[in-house]
N, C-alpha and C. Protein backbone atom coordinates (compact mmCIF):
# COMPACT_ATOMS: atom_id res chain seq x y z
N MET A 1 0.85 -1.17 0.00
CA MET A 1 0.00 0.00 0.00
C MET A 1 0.90 1.24 0.00
N THR A 2 0.57 2.19 -0.86
CA THR A 2 1.31 3.45 -0.89
C THR A 2 0.41 4.56 -0.39
N ILE A 3 1.01 5.51 0.25
CA ILE A 3 0.27 6.66 0.78
C ILE A 3 0.57 7.85 -0.10
N ASP A 4 -0.48 8.54 -0.54
CA ASP A 4 -0.32 9.73 -1.36
C ASP A 4 -0.07 10.93 -0.46
N ILE A 5 1.19 11.33 -0.34
CA ILE A 5 1.50 12.45 0.55
C ILE A 5 1.14 13.79 -0.06
N LYS A 6 0.65 13.79 -1.30
CA LYS A 6 0.23 15.04 -1.94
C LYS A 6 -1.18 15.43 -1.55
N LYS A 7 -1.90 14.55 -0.88
CA LYS A 7 -3.26 14.87 -0.44
C LYS A 7 -3.20 16.02 0.54
N GLU A 8 -4.12 16.93 0.41
CA GLU A 8 -4.16 18.08 1.30
C GLU A 8 -5.04 17.78 2.51
N TRP A 9 -4.51 18.02 3.68
CA TRP A 9 -5.22 17.78 4.93
C TRP A 9 -5.72 19.10 5.51
N VAL A 10 -6.87 19.05 6.16
CA VAL A 10 -7.41 20.18 6.90
C VAL A 10 -7.86 19.64 8.26
N TYR A 11 -8.19 20.53 9.16
CA TYR A 11 -8.60 20.13 10.51
C TYR A 11 -10.06 20.48 10.74
N VAL A 12 -10.77 19.55 11.37
CA VAL A 12 -12.18 19.73 11.70
C VAL A 12 -12.40 19.38 13.16
N VAL A 13 -13.53 19.80 13.68
CA VAL A 13 -13.93 19.39 15.02
C VAL A 13 -14.91 18.23 14.85
N VAL A 14 -14.62 17.14 15.53
CA VAL A 14 -15.48 15.97 15.49
C VAL A 14 -16.23 15.90 16.81
N GLN A 15 -17.56 15.75 16.69
CA GLN A 15 -18.40 15.64 17.88
C GLN A 15 -18.62 14.17 18.18
N ASP A 16 -18.46 13.79 19.43
CA ASP A 16 -18.62 12.41 19.90
C ASP A 16 -17.76 11.42 19.11
N PRO A 17 -16.43 11.67 19.05
CA PRO A 17 -15.55 10.78 18.29
C PRO A 17 -15.58 9.35 18.82
N GLU A 18 -15.41 8.41 17.90
CA GLU A 18 -15.34 6.98 18.20
C GLU A 18 -16.59 6.45 18.89
N THR A 19 -17.75 7.04 18.55
CA THR A 19 -19.03 6.53 19.04
C THR A 19 -19.95 6.36 17.83
N SER A 20 -21.09 5.74 18.06
CA SER A 20 -22.04 5.56 16.96
C SER A 20 -22.66 6.88 16.50
N SER A 21 -22.58 7.91 17.32
CA SER A 21 -23.14 9.22 16.95
C SER A 21 -22.06 10.21 16.49
N GLU A 22 -20.86 9.70 16.16
CA GLU A 22 -19.77 10.57 15.69
C GLU A 22 -20.20 11.35 14.46
N GLU A 23 -19.88 12.64 14.45
CA GLU A 23 -20.16 13.46 13.27
C GLU A 23 -19.25 14.68 13.27
N LEU A 24 -19.07 15.24 12.07
CA LEU A 24 -18.31 16.47 11.96
C LEU A 24 -19.15 17.60 12.52
N MET A 25 -18.53 18.48 13.26
CA MET A 25 -19.26 19.59 13.85
C MET A 25 -19.55 20.63 12.77
N GLY A 26 -20.82 20.86 12.55
CA GLY A 26 -21.26 21.84 11.57
C GLY A 26 -22.18 22.84 12.24
N PHE A 27 -22.53 23.86 11.49
CA PHE A 27 -23.39 24.92 12.03
C PHE A 27 -24.47 25.29 11.04
N THR A 28 -25.63 25.63 11.58
CA THR A 28 -26.69 26.24 10.80
C THR A 28 -26.79 27.68 11.31
N PRO A 29 -26.38 28.63 10.48
CA PRO A 29 -26.33 30.02 10.94
C PRO A 29 -27.71 30.59 11.23
N PRO A 30 -27.79 31.59 12.10
CA PRO A 30 -29.06 32.29 12.32
C PRO A 30 -29.49 33.01 11.04
N SER A 31 -30.75 33.31 10.93
CA SER A 31 -31.29 33.88 9.69
C SER A 31 -30.66 35.22 9.29
N ASP A 32 -30.12 35.95 10.25
CA ASP A 32 -29.52 37.25 9.91
C ASP A 32 -28.03 37.16 9.58
N HIS A 33 -27.50 35.97 9.52
CA HIS A 33 -26.07 35.77 9.22
C HIS A 33 -25.82 35.88 7.73
N GLU A 34 -24.61 36.29 7.33
CA GLU A 34 -24.27 36.42 5.92
C GLU A 34 -24.32 35.08 5.19
N VAL A 35 -24.04 33.98 5.89
CA VAL A 35 -24.11 32.64 5.31
C VAL A 35 -25.47 32.07 5.70
N LYS A 36 -26.21 31.58 4.73
CA LYS A 36 -27.57 31.10 5.00
C LYS A 36 -27.67 29.58 5.13
N GLU A 37 -26.75 28.85 4.49
CA GLU A 37 -26.83 27.40 4.48
C GLU A 37 -25.97 26.79 5.59
N PRO A 38 -26.29 25.55 5.98
CA PRO A 38 -25.44 24.85 6.95
C PRO A 38 -24.02 24.74 6.40
N PHE A 39 -23.04 24.82 7.30
CA PHE A 39 -21.65 24.72 6.86
C PHE A 39 -20.79 23.99 7.88
N ILE A 40 -19.67 23.50 7.40
CA ILE A 40 -18.67 22.85 8.24
C ILE A 40 -17.46 23.78 8.29
N PRO A 41 -17.07 24.22 9.48
CA PRO A 41 -15.85 25.03 9.58
C PRO A 41 -14.62 24.13 9.56
N VAL A 42 -13.62 24.51 8.77
CA VAL A 42 -12.37 23.76 8.72
C VAL A 42 -11.21 24.73 8.92
N PHE A 43 -10.07 24.18 9.25
CA PHE A 43 -8.91 25.00 9.59
C PHE A 43 -7.67 24.46 8.91
N GLU A 44 -6.77 25.37 8.57
CA GLU A 44 -5.54 24.97 7.91
C GLU A 44 -4.52 24.39 8.88
N THR A 45 -4.61 24.76 10.15
CA THR A 45 -3.69 24.23 11.15
C THR A 45 -4.47 23.76 12.37
N LYS A 46 -3.87 22.85 13.10
CA LYS A 46 -4.49 22.36 14.32
C LYS A 46 -4.57 23.47 15.36
N GLU A 47 -3.57 24.34 15.37
CA GLU A 47 -3.55 25.44 16.33
C GLU A 47 -4.72 26.39 16.11
N GLU A 48 -5.02 26.70 14.84
CA GLU A 48 -6.17 27.57 14.54
C GLU A 48 -7.46 26.90 15.01
N ALA A 49 -7.57 25.60 14.75
CA ALA A 49 -8.76 24.86 15.17
C ALA A 49 -8.93 24.90 16.69
N GLN A 50 -7.84 24.70 17.41
CA GLN A 50 -7.90 24.72 18.87
C GLN A 50 -8.32 26.08 19.40
N GLN A 51 -7.79 27.16 18.82
CA GLN A 51 -8.14 28.50 19.27
C GLN A 51 -9.61 28.82 18.98
N CYS A 52 -10.05 28.49 17.79
CA CYS A 52 -11.45 28.78 17.42
C CYS A 52 -12.42 27.91 18.22
N PHE A 53 -12.03 26.68 18.50
CA PHE A 53 -12.89 25.79 19.27
C PHE A 53 -13.29 26.42 20.60
N LEU A 54 -12.39 27.18 21.19
CA LEU A 54 -12.67 27.81 22.48
C LEU A 54 -13.87 28.76 22.43
N ILE A 55 -14.11 29.36 21.26
CA ILE A 55 -15.21 30.32 21.14
C ILE A 55 -16.42 29.77 20.38
N MET A 56 -16.34 28.53 19.92
CA MET A 56 -17.47 27.92 19.18
C MET A 56 -18.60 27.58 20.15
N PRO A 57 -19.86 27.73 19.70
CA PRO A 57 -20.97 27.26 20.53
C PRO A 57 -20.95 25.73 20.57
N LYS A 58 -21.07 25.17 21.76
CA LYS A 58 -21.03 23.72 21.92
C LYS A 58 -21.66 23.34 23.24
N ASN A 59 -21.95 22.06 23.40
CA ASN A 59 -22.54 21.56 24.64
C ASN A 59 -21.54 20.62 25.29
N LEU A 60 -20.68 21.16 26.13
CA LEU A 60 -19.63 20.35 26.77
C LEU A 60 -20.19 19.36 27.79
N MET A 61 -21.39 19.61 28.28
CA MET A 61 -21.99 18.69 29.24
C MET A 61 -22.56 17.45 28.55
N LYS A 62 -22.96 17.60 27.31
CA LYS A 62 -23.62 16.50 26.59
C LYS A 62 -22.69 15.79 25.61
N ASN A 63 -21.77 16.50 25.01
CA ASN A 63 -20.96 15.93 23.94
C ASN A 63 -19.46 16.03 24.24
N LYS A 64 -18.72 15.13 23.60
CA LYS A 64 -17.27 15.17 23.63
C LYS A 64 -16.82 15.69 22.27
N TYR A 65 -15.72 16.42 22.24
CA TYR A 65 -15.22 17.00 21.00
C TYR A 65 -13.74 16.71 20.84
N GLU A 66 -13.33 16.56 19.60
CA GLU A 66 -11.92 16.30 19.31
C GLU A 66 -11.56 16.92 17.97
N ILE A 67 -10.40 17.53 17.89
CA ILE A 67 -9.93 18.08 16.62
C ILE A 67 -9.18 16.99 15.89
N GLN A 68 -9.56 16.76 14.63
CA GLN A 68 -8.94 15.71 13.84
C GLN A 68 -8.59 16.23 12.46
N ALA A 69 -7.57 15.63 11.87
CA ALA A 69 -7.20 15.94 10.49
C ALA A 69 -8.03 15.06 9.55
N ILE A 70 -8.37 15.63 8.40
CA ILE A 70 -9.15 14.90 7.39
C ILE A 70 -8.64 15.34 6.02
N ILE A 71 -8.68 14.43 5.08
CA ILE A 71 -8.28 14.77 3.71
C ILE A 71 -9.35 15.68 3.12
N LYS A 72 -8.91 16.81 2.58
CA LYS A 72 -9.84 17.83 2.09
C LYS A 72 -10.83 17.27 1.07
N ASP A 73 -10.38 16.44 0.14
CA ASP A 73 -11.29 15.87 -0.87
C ASP A 73 -12.36 15.00 -0.23
N ASP A 74 -12.00 14.23 0.80
CA ASP A 74 -12.99 13.41 1.51
C ASP A 74 -14.01 14.28 2.23
N LEU A 75 -13.54 15.36 2.82
CA LEU A 75 -14.43 16.29 3.51
C LEU A 75 -15.41 16.92 2.52
N ILE A 76 -14.91 17.35 1.37
CA ILE A 76 -15.76 17.98 0.37
C ILE A 76 -16.84 17.02 -0.10
N LYS A 77 -16.48 15.77 -0.34
CA LYS A 77 -17.48 14.77 -0.76
C LYS A 77 -18.54 14.59 0.34
N HIS A 78 -18.09 14.46 1.58
CA HIS A 78 -19.02 14.30 2.70
C HIS A 78 -19.97 15.50 2.79
N ALA A 79 -19.42 16.69 2.66
CA ALA A 79 -20.24 17.90 2.76
C ALA A 79 -21.26 17.96 1.63
N LYS A 80 -20.83 17.67 0.40
CA LYS A 80 -21.77 17.67 -0.73
C LYS A 80 -22.89 16.67 -0.52
N ASP A 81 -22.52 15.48 -0.04
CA ASP A 81 -23.52 14.43 0.18
C ASP A 81 -24.53 14.80 1.25
N ASN A 82 -24.16 15.73 2.14
CA ASN A 82 -25.02 16.09 3.26
C ASN A 82 -25.54 17.52 3.20
N GLY A 83 -25.37 18.19 2.06
CA GLY A 83 -25.94 19.52 1.88
C GLY A 83 -25.27 20.63 2.68
N HIS A 84 -23.98 20.51 2.93
CA HIS A 84 -23.25 21.54 3.68
C HIS A 84 -22.25 22.25 2.78
N ARG A 85 -22.01 23.49 3.10
CA ARG A 85 -20.90 24.23 2.50
C ARG A 85 -19.70 24.04 3.42
N VAL A 86 -18.52 24.38 2.94
CA VAL A 86 -17.30 24.24 3.74
C VAL A 86 -16.54 25.55 3.67
N PHE A 87 -16.22 26.10 4.85
CA PHE A 87 -15.46 27.34 4.93
C PHE A 87 -14.18 27.12 5.71
N ILE A 88 -13.08 27.62 5.17
CA ILE A 88 -11.84 27.66 5.93
C ILE A 88 -11.95 28.88 6.84
N MET A 89 -11.75 28.65 8.12
CA MET A 89 -11.90 29.69 9.13
C MET A 89 -10.55 29.98 9.76
N ASP A 90 -10.46 31.14 10.43
CA ASP A 90 -9.26 31.42 11.20
C ASP A 90 -9.55 31.18 12.68
N GLU A 91 -8.57 31.47 13.52
CA GLU A 91 -8.69 31.19 14.95
C GLU A 91 -9.73 32.07 15.65
N LYS A 92 -10.19 33.13 14.99
CA LYS A 92 -11.19 34.03 15.58
C LYS A 92 -12.58 33.79 15.00
N SER A 93 -12.75 32.73 14.25
CA SER A 93 -13.99 32.30 13.60
C SER A 93 -14.39 33.16 12.41
N SER A 94 -13.43 33.87 11.83
CA SER A 94 -13.70 34.63 10.61
C SER A 94 -13.47 33.72 9.41
N ILE A 95 -14.31 33.90 8.39
CA ILE A 95 -14.19 33.08 7.20
C ILE A 95 -13.02 33.59 6.35
N LYS A 96 -12.11 32.69 5.99
CA LYS A 96 -11.00 33.03 5.09
C LYS A 96 -11.44 32.83 3.64
N LYS A 97 -12.04 31.65 3.37
CA LYS A 97 -12.53 31.38 2.02
C LYS A 97 -13.42 30.14 2.06
N GLU A 98 -14.23 30.01 1.02
CA GLU A 98 -15.08 28.84 0.87
C GLU A 98 -14.36 27.82 0.01
N ILE A 99 -14.44 26.55 0.40
CA ILE A 99 -13.85 25.52 -0.43
C ILE A 99 -14.90 24.61 -1.05
N LEU A 100 -16.17 24.91 -0.77
CA LEU A 100 -17.27 24.18 -1.41
C LEU A 100 -18.45 25.09 -1.55
């Protein structure tokens, strides 16, 4: 087996990792937000993901969260299949660019 090291990786927040309810953390913006459709925030570095995670809305009492790397093409396919857009975000939760 060969590994394609040219694949581009991004970082996402996974809710309830390694359980039957595991899913990528996504958001449905409020109606007055510039983005209207559900989206998955992704990050170029793990450090950006960790910083932004601190200010993301979440339920720490109910769910467990983990930052994980994912191949960008796999993420895009998953998002398309589930009706989500994908935005690269910075550590302050500002959108850098859309990748889907």
